[in-house]
PDB file of all heavy atoms in Angstrom:
ATOM      1  N   SER A   1      27.023 206.076-100.488  1.00  0.00           N
ATOM      2  CA  SER A   1      27.862 205.268-101.175  1.00  0.00           C
ATOM      3  C   SER A   1      27.203 203.993-101.822  1.00  0.00           C
ATOM      4  O   SER A   1      26.309 203.450-101.082  1.00  0.00           O
ATOM      5  CB  SER A   1      29.171 204.811-100.484  1.00  0.00           C
ATOM      6  OG  SER A   1      29.990 205.979 -99.957  1.00  0.00           O
ATOM      7  N   LEU A   2      27.556 203.604-102.903  1.00  0.00           N
ATOM      8  CA  LEU A   2      27.027 202.365-103.557  1.00  0.00           C
ATOM      9  C   LEU A   2      28.059 201.729-104.362  1.00  0.00           C
ATOM     10  O   LEU A   2      28.969 202.377-105.069  1.00  0.00           O
ATOM     11  CB  LEU A   2      25.756 202.605-104.257  1.00  0.00           C
ATOM     12  CG  LEU A   2      25.871 203.423-105.662  1.00  0.00           C
ATOM     13  CD1 LEU A   2      24.684 203.037-106.566  1.00  0.00           C
ATOM     14  CD2 LEU A   2      25.877 204.836-105.355  1.00  0.00           C
ATOM     15  N   SER A   3      28.043 200.478-104.422  1.00  0.00           N
ATOM     16  CA  SER A   3      29.021 199.563-105.223  1.00  0.00           C
ATOM     17  C   SER A   3      28.515 198.443-105.920  1.00  0.00           C
ATOM     18  O   SER A   3      27.435 197.914-105.284  1.00  0.00           O
ATOM     19  CB  SER A   3      30.298 199.174-104.330  1.00  0.00           C
ATOM     20  OG  SER A   3      29.833 198.261-103.384  1.00  0.00           O
ATOM     21  N   LEU A   4      28.987 198.008-107.174  1.00  0.00           N
ATOM     22  CA  LEU A   4      28.514 196.840-107.733  1.00  0.00           C
ATOM     23  C   LEU A   4      29.759 196.096-108.212  1.00  0.00           C
ATOM     24  O   LEU A   4      30.599 196.607-108.815  1.00  0.00           O
ATOM     25  CB  LEU A   4      27.707 197.313-109.032  1.00  0.00           C
ATOM     26  CG  LEU A   4      27.157 196.258-109.952  1.00  0.00           C
ATOM     27  CD1 LEU A   4      26.182 195.407-109.156  1.00  0.00           C
ATOM     28  CD2 LEU A   4      26.611 196.816-111.202  1.00  0.00           C
ATOM     29  N   GLY A   5      29.752 194.859-107.645  1.00  0.00           N
ATOM     30  CA  GLY A   5      30.818 193.956-108.113  1.00  0.00           C
ATOM     31  C   GLY A   5      30.334 192.714-108.884  1.00  0.00           C
ATOM     32  O   GLY A   5      29.275 192.182-108.604  1.00  0.00           O
ATOM     33  N   LEU A   6      31.155 192.282-109.836  1.00  0.00           N
ATOM     34  CA  LEU A   6      30.843 191.123-110.615  1.00  0.00           C
ATOM     35  C   LEU A   6      32.054 190.189-110.778  1.00  0.00           C
ATOM     36  O   LEU A   6      33.130 190.630-110.936  1.00  0.00           O
ATOM     37  CB  LEU A   6      30.463 191.622-112.070  1.00  0.00           C
ATOM     38  CG  LEU A   6      29.935 190.506-113.051  1.00  0.00           C
ATOM     39  CD1 LEU A   6      28.646 190.061-112.533  1.00  0.00           C
ATOM     40  CD2 LEU A   6      29.885 191.065-114.356  1.00  0.00           C
ATOM     41  N   ARG A   7      31.813 188.869-110.525  1.00  0.00           N
ATOM     42  CA  ARG A   7      32.916 187.855-110.592  1.00  0.00           C
ATOM     43  C   ARG A   7      32.426 186.696-111.458  1.00  0.00           C
ATOM     44  O   ARG A   7      31.288 186.140-111.274  1.00  0.00           O
ATOM     45  CB  ARG A   7      33.129 187.425-109.196  1.00  0.00           C
ATOM     46  CG  ARG A   7      34.399 186.411-109.080  1.00  0.00           C
ATOM     47  CD  ARG A   7      34.711 186.012-107.612  1.00  0.00           C
ATOM     48  NE  ARG A   7      35.989 185.270-107.550  1.00  0.00           N
ATOM     49  CZ  ARG A   7      35.890 183.925-107.537  1.00  0.00           C
ATOM     50  NH1 ARG A   7      34.733 183.287-107.628  1.00  0.00           N
ATOM     51  NH2 ARG A   7      36.936 183.307-107.417  1.00  0.00           N
ATOM     52  N   HIS A   8      33.208 186.407-112.543  1.00  0.00           N
ATOM     53  CA  HIS A   8      32.770 185.396-113.355  1.00  0.00           C
ATOM     54  C   HIS A   8      33.888 184.337-113.533  1.00  0.00           C
ATOM     55  O   HIS A   8      35.175 184.689-113.616  1.00  0.00           O
ATOM     56  CB  HIS A   8      32.533 185.883-114.759  1.00  0.00           C
ATOM     57  CG  HIS A   8      32.199 185.057-115.760  1.00  0.00           C
ATOM     58  ND1 HIS A   8      30.954 184.175-115.695  1.00  0.00           N
ATOM     59  CD2 HIS A   8      32.671 184.558-117.086  1.00  0.00           C
ATOM     60  CE1 HIS A   8      30.882 183.392-116.751  1.00  0.00           C
ATOM     61  NE2 HIS A   8      31.955 183.555-117.519  1.00  0.00           N
ATOM     62  N   ALA A   9      33.572 183.071-113.266  1.00  0.00           N
ATOM     63  CA  ALA A   9      34.559 181.941-113.477  1.00  0.00           C
ATOM     64  C   ALA A   9      34.604 181.515-114.876  1.00  0.00           C
ATOM     65  O   ALA A   9      33.653 180.961-115.421  1.00  0.00           O
ATOM     66  CB  ALA A   9      34.013 180.892-112.453  1.00  0.00           C
ATOM     67  N   LEU A  10      35.864 181.908-115.533  1.00  0.00           N
ATOM     68  CA  LEU A  10      36.052 181.519-116.890  1.00  0.00           C
ATOM     69  C   LEU A  10      36.221 179.969-116.961  1.00  0.00           C
ATOM     70  O   LEU A  10      35.891 179.429-117.883  1.00  0.00           O
ATOM     71  CB  LEU A  10      37.126 182.330-117.399  1.00  0.00           C
ATOM     72  CG  LEU A  10      36.922 183.785-117.349  1.00  0.00           C
ATOM     73  CD1 LEU A  10      38.296 184.469-117.909  1.00  0.00           C
ATOM     74  CD2 LEU A  10      35.832 184.289-118.180  1.00  0.00           C
ATOM     75  N   SER A  11      36.852 179.465-115.929  1.00  0.00           N
ATOM     76  CA  SER A  11      37.130 178.040-115.810  1.00  0.00           C
ATOM     77  C   SER A  11      37.416 177.738-114.325  1.00  0.00           C
ATOM     78  O   SER A  11      37.267 178.583-113.539  1.00  0.00           O
ATOM     79  CB  SER A  11      38.306 177.682-116.564  1.00  0.00           C
ATOM     80  OG  SER A  11      39.624 178.287-116.222  1.00  0.00           O
ATOM     81  N   GLU A  12      37.810 176.471-114.117  1.00  0.00           N
ATOM     82  CA  GLU A  12      38.235 176.125-112.670  1.00  0.00           C
ATOM     83  C   GLU A  12      39.276 176.909-112.101  1.00  0.00           C
ATOM     84  O   GLU A  12      39.364 177.244-110.998  1.00  0.00           O
ATOM     85  CB  GLU A  12      38.446 174.741-112.514  1.00  0.00           C
ATOM     86  CG  GLU A  12      37.211 173.768-112.666  1.00  0.00           C
ATOM     87  CD  GLU A  12      37.646 172.351-112.384  1.00  0.00           C
ATOM     88  OE1 GLU A  12      38.710 172.113-111.861  1.00  0.00           O
ATOM     89  OE2 GLU A  12      36.659 171.483-112.491  1.00  0.00           O
ATOM     90  N   ALA A  13      40.216 177.365-112.944  1.00  0.00           N
ATOM     91  CA  ALA A  13      41.368 178.092-112.567  1.00  0.00           C
ATOM     92  C   ALA A  13      41.280 179.606-112.743  1.00  0.00           C
ATOM     93  O   ALA A  13      41.860 180.355-111.927  1.00  0.00           O
ATOM     94  CB  ALA A  13      42.539 177.582-113.339  1.00  0.00           C
ATOM     95  N   TRP A  14      40.598 180.069-113.813  1.00  0.00           N
ATOM     96  CA  TRP A  14      40.630 181.461-114.098  1.00  0.00           C
ATOM     97  C   TRP A  14      39.381 182.122-113.748  1.00  0.00           C
ATOM     98  O   TRP A  14      38.168 181.690-113.970  1.00  0.00           O
ATOM     99  CB  TRP A  14      40.814 181.703-115.636  1.00  0.00           C
ATOM    100  CG  TRP A  14      42.269 181.269-116.104  1.00  0.00           C
ATOM    101  CD1 TRP A  14      42.716 180.019-116.609  1.00  0.00           C
ATOM    102  CD2 TRP A  14      43.402 182.101-116.119  1.00  0.00           C
ATOM    103  NE1 TRP A  14      44.038 180.058-116.887  1.00  0.00           N
ATOM    104  CE2 TRP A  14      44.470 181.319-116.554  1.00  0.00           C
ATOM    105  CE3 TRP A  14      43.668 183.439-115.666  1.00  0.00           C
ATOM    106  CZ2 TRP A  14      45.757 181.848-116.691  1.00  0.00           C
ATOM    107  CZ3 TRP A  14      44.910 183.967-115.770  1.00  0.00           C
ATOM    108  CH2 TRP A  14      46.039 183.139-116.288  1.00  0.00           C
ATOM    109  N   HIS A  15      39.474 183.362-113.021  1.00  0.00           N
ATOM    110  CA  HIS A  15      38.414 184.157-112.744  1.00  0.00           C
ATOM    111  C   HIS A  15      38.530 185.634-113.100  1.00  0.00           C
ATOM    112  O   HIS A  15      39.649 186.165-112.954  1.00  0.00           O
ATOM    113  CB  HIS A  15      38.302 184.079-111.169  1.00  0.00           C
ATOM    114  CG  HIS A  15      37.988 182.697-110.633  1.00  0.00           C
ATOM    115  ND1 HIS A  15      38.885 181.747-110.353  1.00  0.00           N
ATOM    116  CD2 HIS A  15      36.727 182.086-110.332  1.00  0.00           C
ATOM    117  CE1 HIS A  15      38.296 180.726-109.931  1.00  0.00           C
ATOM    118  NE2 HIS A  15      37.143 180.826-109.885  1.00  0.00           N
ATOM    119  N   LEU A  16      37.423 186.167-113.713  1.00  0.00           N
ATOM    120  CA  LEU A  16      37.428 187.694-114.061  1.00  0.00           C
ATOM    121  C   LEU A  16      36.610 188.342-113.115  1.00  0.00           C
ATOM    122  O   LEU A  16      35.455 187.908-112.686  1.00  0.00           O
ATOM    123  CB  LEU A  16      36.936 187.692-115.436  1.00  0.00           C
ATOM    124  CG  LEU A  16      36.890 189.101-116.128  1.00  0.00           C
ATOM    125  CD1 LEU A  16      38.252 189.674-116.232  1.00  0.00           C
ATOM    126  CD2 LEU A  16      36.062 189.127-117.351  1.00  0.00           C
ATOM    127  N   HIS A  17      37.062 189.515-112.582  1.00  0.00           N
ATOM    128  CA  HIS A  17      36.190 190.305-111.726  1.00  0.00           C
ATOM    129  C   HIS A  17      36.231 191.730-112.030  1.00  0.00           C
ATOM    130  O   HIS A  17      37.220 192.234-112.565  1.00  0.00           O
ATOM    131  CB  HIS A  17      36.633 190.033-110.183  1.00  0.00           C
ATOM    132  CG  HIS A  17      37.820 190.741-109.841  1.00  0.00           C
ATOM    133  ND1 HIS A  17      38.035 192.008-109.489  1.00  0.00           N
ATOM    134  CD2 HIS A  17      39.214 190.298-109.943  1.00  0.00           C
ATOM    135  CE1 HIS A  17      39.307 192.422-109.197  1.00  0.00           C
ATOM    136  NE2 HIS A  17      39.957 191.320-109.430  1.00  0.00           N
ATOM    137  N   GLY A  18      35.126 192.447-111.819  1.00  0.00           N
ATOM    138  CA  GLY A  18      35.023 193.829-112.091  1.00  0.00           C
ATOM    139  C   GLY A  18      34.218 194.516-110.991  1.00  0.00           C
ATOM    140  O   GLY A  18      33.500 193.854-110.426  1.00  0.00           O
ATOM    141  N   ALA A  19      34.391 195.890-110.712  1.00  0.00           N
ATOM    142  CA  ALA A  19      33.705 196.671-109.764  1.00  0.00           C
ATOM    143  C   ALA A  19      33.552 197.990-110.198  1.00  0.00           C
ATOM    144  O   ALA A  19      34.356 198.596-110.896  1.00  0.00           O
ATOM    145  CB  ALA A  19      34.558 196.525-108.470  1.00  0.00           C
ATOM    146  N   LEU A  20      32.439 198.597-110.044  1.00  0.00           N
ATOM    147  CA  LEU A  20      32.007 199.920-110.137  1.00  0.00           C
ATOM    148  C   LEU A  20      31.547 200.473-108.834  1.00  0.00           C
ATOM    149  O   LEU A  20      30.729 199.872-108.016  1.00  0.00           O
ATOM    150  CB  LEU A  20      31.031 200.148-111.258  1.00  0.00           C
ATOM    151  CG  LEU A  20      31.433 199.762-112.655  1.00  0.00           C
ATOM    152  CD1 LEU A  20      30.266 199.824-113.531  1.00  0.00           C
ATOM    153  CD2 LEU A  20      32.566 200.679-113.226  1.00  0.00           C
ATOM    154  N   GLY A  21      31.841 201.728-108.454  1.00  0.00           N
ATOM    155  CA  GLY A  21      31.351 202.279-107.243  1.00  0.00           C
ATOM    156  C   GLY A  21      31.407 203.676-107.206  1.00  0.00           C
ATOM    157  O   GLY A  21      32.132 204.500-108.006  1.00  0.00           O
ATOM    158  N   ARG A  22      30.572 204.246-106.378  1.00  0.00           N
ATOM    159  CA  ARG A  22      30.509 205.810-105.979  1.00  0.00           C
ATOM    160  C   ARG A  22      30.561 205.868-104.525  1.00  0.00           C
ATOM    161  O   ARG A  22      29.635 205.462-103.854  1.00  0.00           O
ATOM    162  CB  ARG A  22      29.215 206.406-106.511  1.00  0.00           C
ATOM    163  CG  ARG A  22      29.022 207.858-106.165  1.00  0.00           C
ATOM    164  CD  ARG A  22      27.692 208.364-106.508  1.00  0.00           C
ATOM    165  NE  ARG A  22      27.378 209.710-106.218  1.00  0.00           N
ATOM    166  CZ  ARG A  22      26.814 210.140-105.005  1.00  0.00           C
ATOM    167  NH1 ARG A  22      26.510 209.203-104.169  1.00  0.00           N
ATOM    168  NH2 ARG A  22      26.597 211.428-104.761  1.00  0.00           N
ATOM    169  N   HIS A  23      31.677 206.376-104.127  1.00  0.00           N
ATOM    170  CA  HIS A  23      31.956 206.388-102.705  1.00  0.00           C
ATOM    171  C   HIS A  23      32.099 207.895-102.226  1.00  0.00           C
ATOM    172  O   HIS A  23      32.724 208.754-102.875  1.00  0.00           O
ATOM    173  CB  HIS A  23      33.362 205.652-102.357  1.00  0.00           C
ATOM    174  CG  HIS A  23      33.355 204.311-103.003  1.00  0.00           C
ATOM    175  ND1 HIS A  23      32.716 203.328-102.472  1.00  0.00           N
ATOM    176  CD2 HIS A  23      34.119 203.783-103.930  1.00  0.00           C
ATOM    177  CE1 HIS A  23      33.012 202.140-103.207  1.00  0.00           C
ATOM    178  NE2 HIS A  23      33.829 202.506-104.123  1.00  0.00           N
ATOM    179  N   GLN A  24      31.418 208.195-101.024  1.00  0.00           N
ATOM    180  CA  GLN A  24      31.494 209.494-100.444  1.00  0.00           C
ATOM    181  C   GLN A  24      31.965 209.371 -98.954  1.00  0.00           C
ATOM    182  O   GLN A  24      31.730 208.404 -98.340  1.00  0.00           O
ATOM    183  CB  GLN A  24      30.048 210.068-100.450  1.00  0.00           C
ATOM    184  CG  GLN A  24      29.600 210.652-101.779  1.00  0.00           C
ATOM    185  CD  GLN A  24      28.446 211.521-101.730  1.00  0.00           C
ATOM    186  OE1 GLN A  24      27.493 211.152-100.913  1.00  0.00           O
ATOM    187  NE2 GLN A  24      28.283 212.578-102.611  1.00  0.00           N
ATOM    188  N   ARG A  25      32.743 210.440 -98.618  1.00  0.00           N
ATOM    189  CA  ARG A  25      33.463 210.440 -97.291  1.00  0.00           C
ATOM    190  C   ARG A  25      33.121 211.805 -96.725  1.00  0.00           C
ATOM    191  O   ARG A  25      33.417 212.841 -97.380  1.00  0.00           O
ATOM    192  CB  ARG A  25      34.878 210.113 -97.335  1.00  0.00           C
ATOM    193  CG  ARG A  25      35.587 210.180 -95.950  1.00  0.00           C
ATOM    194  CD  ARG A  25      37.167 209.884 -96.112  1.00  0.00           C
ATOM    195  NE  ARG A  25      37.917 210.922 -96.640  1.00  0.00           N
ATOM    196  CZ  ARG A  25      38.409 212.030 -95.958  1.00  0.00           C
ATOM    197  NH1 ARG A  25      38.012 212.145 -94.758  1.00  0.00           N
ATOM    198  NH2 ARG A  25      39.108 212.904 -96.636  1.00  0.00           N
ATOM    199  N   ALA A  26      32.713 211.901 -95.408  1.00  0.00           N
ATOM    200  CA  ALA A  26      32.663 213.223 -94.849  1.00  0.00           C
ATOM    201  C   ALA A  26      34.113 213.543 -94.187  1.00  0.00           C
ATOM    202  O   ALA A  26      34.877 212.768 -93.837  1.00  0.00           O
ATOM    203  CB  ALA A  26      31.617 212.943 -93.569  1.00  0.00           C
ATOM    204  N   PRO A  27      34.317 214.849 -94.347  1.00  0.00           N
ATOM    205  CA  PRO A  27      35.764 215.284 -93.699  1.00  0.00           C
ATOM    206  C   PRO A  27      35.814 215.048 -92.213  1.00  0.00           C
ATOM    207  O   PRO A  27      34.847 215.098 -91.439  1.00  0.00           O
ATOM    208  CB  PRO A  27      35.659 216.845 -93.956  1.00  0.00           C
ATOM    209  CG  PRO A  27      34.318 217.141 -94.117  1.00  0.00           C
ATOM    210  CD  PRO A  27      33.526 215.949 -94.694  1.00  0.00           C
ATOM    211  N   PHE A  28      36.977 214.670 -91.859  1.00  0.00           N
ATOM    212  CA  PHE A  28      37.306 214.394 -90.389  1.00  0.00           C
ATOM    213  C   PHE A  28      37.265 215.763 -89.651  1.00  0.00           C
ATOM    214  O   PHE A  28      37.518 216.831 -90.206  1.00  0.00           O
ATOM    215  CB  PHE A  28      38.594 213.764 -90.230  1.00  0.00           C
ATOM    216  CG  PHE A  28      38.798 212.418 -90.860  1.00  0.00           C
ATOM    217  CD1 PHE A  28      39.748 212.021 -91.745  1.00  0.00           C
ATOM    218  CD2 PHE A  28      37.871 211.403 -90.536  1.00  0.00           C
ATOM    219  CE1 PHE A  28      39.720 210.790 -92.337  1.00  0.00           C
ATOM    220  CE2 PHE A  28      37.900 210.160 -91.104  1.00  0.00           C
ATOM    221  CZ  PHE A  28      38.933 209.885 -92.114  1.00  0.00           C
ATOM    222  N   PRO A  29      37.034 215.670 -88.298  1.00  0.00           N
ATOM    223  CA  PRO A  29      37.103 216.930 -87.597  1.00  0.00           C
ATOM    224  C   PRO A  29      38.301 217.716 -87.718  1.00  0.00           C
ATOM    225  O   PRO A  29      38.290 218.910 -87.687  1.00  0.00           O
ATOM    226  CB  PRO A  29      36.706 216.380 -86.149  1.00  0.00           C
ATOM    227  CG  PRO A  29      35.923 215.112 -86.365  1.00  0.00           C
ATOM    228  CD  PRO A  29      36.498 214.579 -87.418  1.00  0.00           C
ATOM    229  N   GLU A  30      39.465 217.027 -87.684  1.00  0.00           N
ATOM    230  CA  GLU A  30      40.767 217.653 -87.756  1.00  0.00           C
ATOM    231  C   GLU A  30      40.824 218.394 -89.071  1.00  0.00           C
ATOM    232  O   GLU A  30      41.526 219.422 -89.161  1.00  0.00           O
ATOM    233  CB  GLU A  30      41.882 216.598 -87.796  1.00  0.00           C
ATOM    234  CG  GLU A  30      42.067 215.972 -86.257  1.00  0.00           C
ATOM    235  CD  GLU A  30      40.991 214.881 -86.062  1.00  0.00           C
ATOM    236  OE1 GLU A  30      40.261 214.529 -86.918  1.00  0.00           O
ATOM    237  OE2 GLU A  30      41.011 214.338 -84.773  1.00  0.00           O
ATOM    238  N   GLU A  31      40.214 217.906 -90.241  1.00  0.00           N
ATOM    239  CA  GLU A  31      40.258 218.529 -91.473  1.00  0.00           C
ATOM    240  C   GLU A  31      39.396 219.893 -91.479  1.00  0.00           C
ATOM    241  O   GLU A  31      39.629 220.794 -92.212  1.00  0.00           O
ATOM    242  CB  GLU A  31      39.881 217.593 -92.534  1.00  0.00           C
ATOM    243  CG  GLU A  31      40.723 216.318 -92.702  1.00  0.00           C
ATOM    244  CD  GLU A  31      40.266 215.297 -93.628  1.00  0.00           C
ATOM    245  OE1 GLU A  31      39.047 215.341 -93.791  1.00  0.00           O
ATOM    246  OE2 GLU A  31      40.966 214.366 -93.988  1.00  0.00           O
ATOM    247  N   LEU A  32      38.431 219.815 -90.597  1.00  0.00           N
ATOM    248  CA  LEU A  32      37.621 220.941 -90.605  1.00  0.00           C
ATOM    249  C   LEU A  32      38.091 222.036 -89.600  1.00  0.00           C
ATOM    250  O   LEU A  32      37.893 223.236 -89.912  1.00  0.00           O
ATOM    251  CB  LEU A  32      36.122 220.491 -90.164  1.00  0.00           C
ATOM    252  CG  LEU A  32      35.446 219.631 -91.063  1.00  0.00           C
ATOM    253  CD1 LEU A  32      34.091 219.004 -90.299  1.00  0.00           C
ATOM    254  CD2 LEU A  32      34.870 220.379 -92.285  1.00  0.00           C
ATOM    255  N   LEU A  33      38.662 221.625 -88.466  1.00  0.00           N
ATOM    256  CA  LEU A  33      38.887 222.591 -87.231  1.00  0.00           C
ATOM    257  C   LEU A  33      40.148 222.855 -86.931  1.00  0.00           C
ATOM    258  O   LEU A  33      40.535 223.735 -86.118  1.00  0.00           O
ATOM    259  CB  LEU A  33      38.116 222.034 -86.084  1.00  0.00           C
ATOM    260  CG  LEU A  33      36.620 221.672 -86.311  1.00  0.00           C
ATOM    261  CD1 LEU A  33      36.137 221.031 -84.962  1.00  0.00           C
ATOM    262  CD2 LEU A  33      35.819 222.948 -86.611  1.00  0.00           C
ATOM    263  N   ALA A  34      41.313 222.099 -87.569  1.00  0.00           N
ATOM    264  CA  ALA A  34      42.638 222.312 -87.086  1.00  0.00           C
ATOM    265  C   ALA A  34      43.032 223.828 -87.302  1.00  0.00           C
ATOM    266  O   ALA A  34      42.713 224.430 -88.266  1.00  0.00           O
ATOM    267  CB  ALA A  34      43.573 221.403 -88.015  1.00  0.00           C
TER     268      ALA A  34
END
């Protein structure tokens, strides 16, 4: 998995944020063997 986040202060009060990511998860044992 990898992620990239960006936060920009437009002013003292306002903040803009964005994020991009690729996340992988292995199946749980219950999902494999139940």
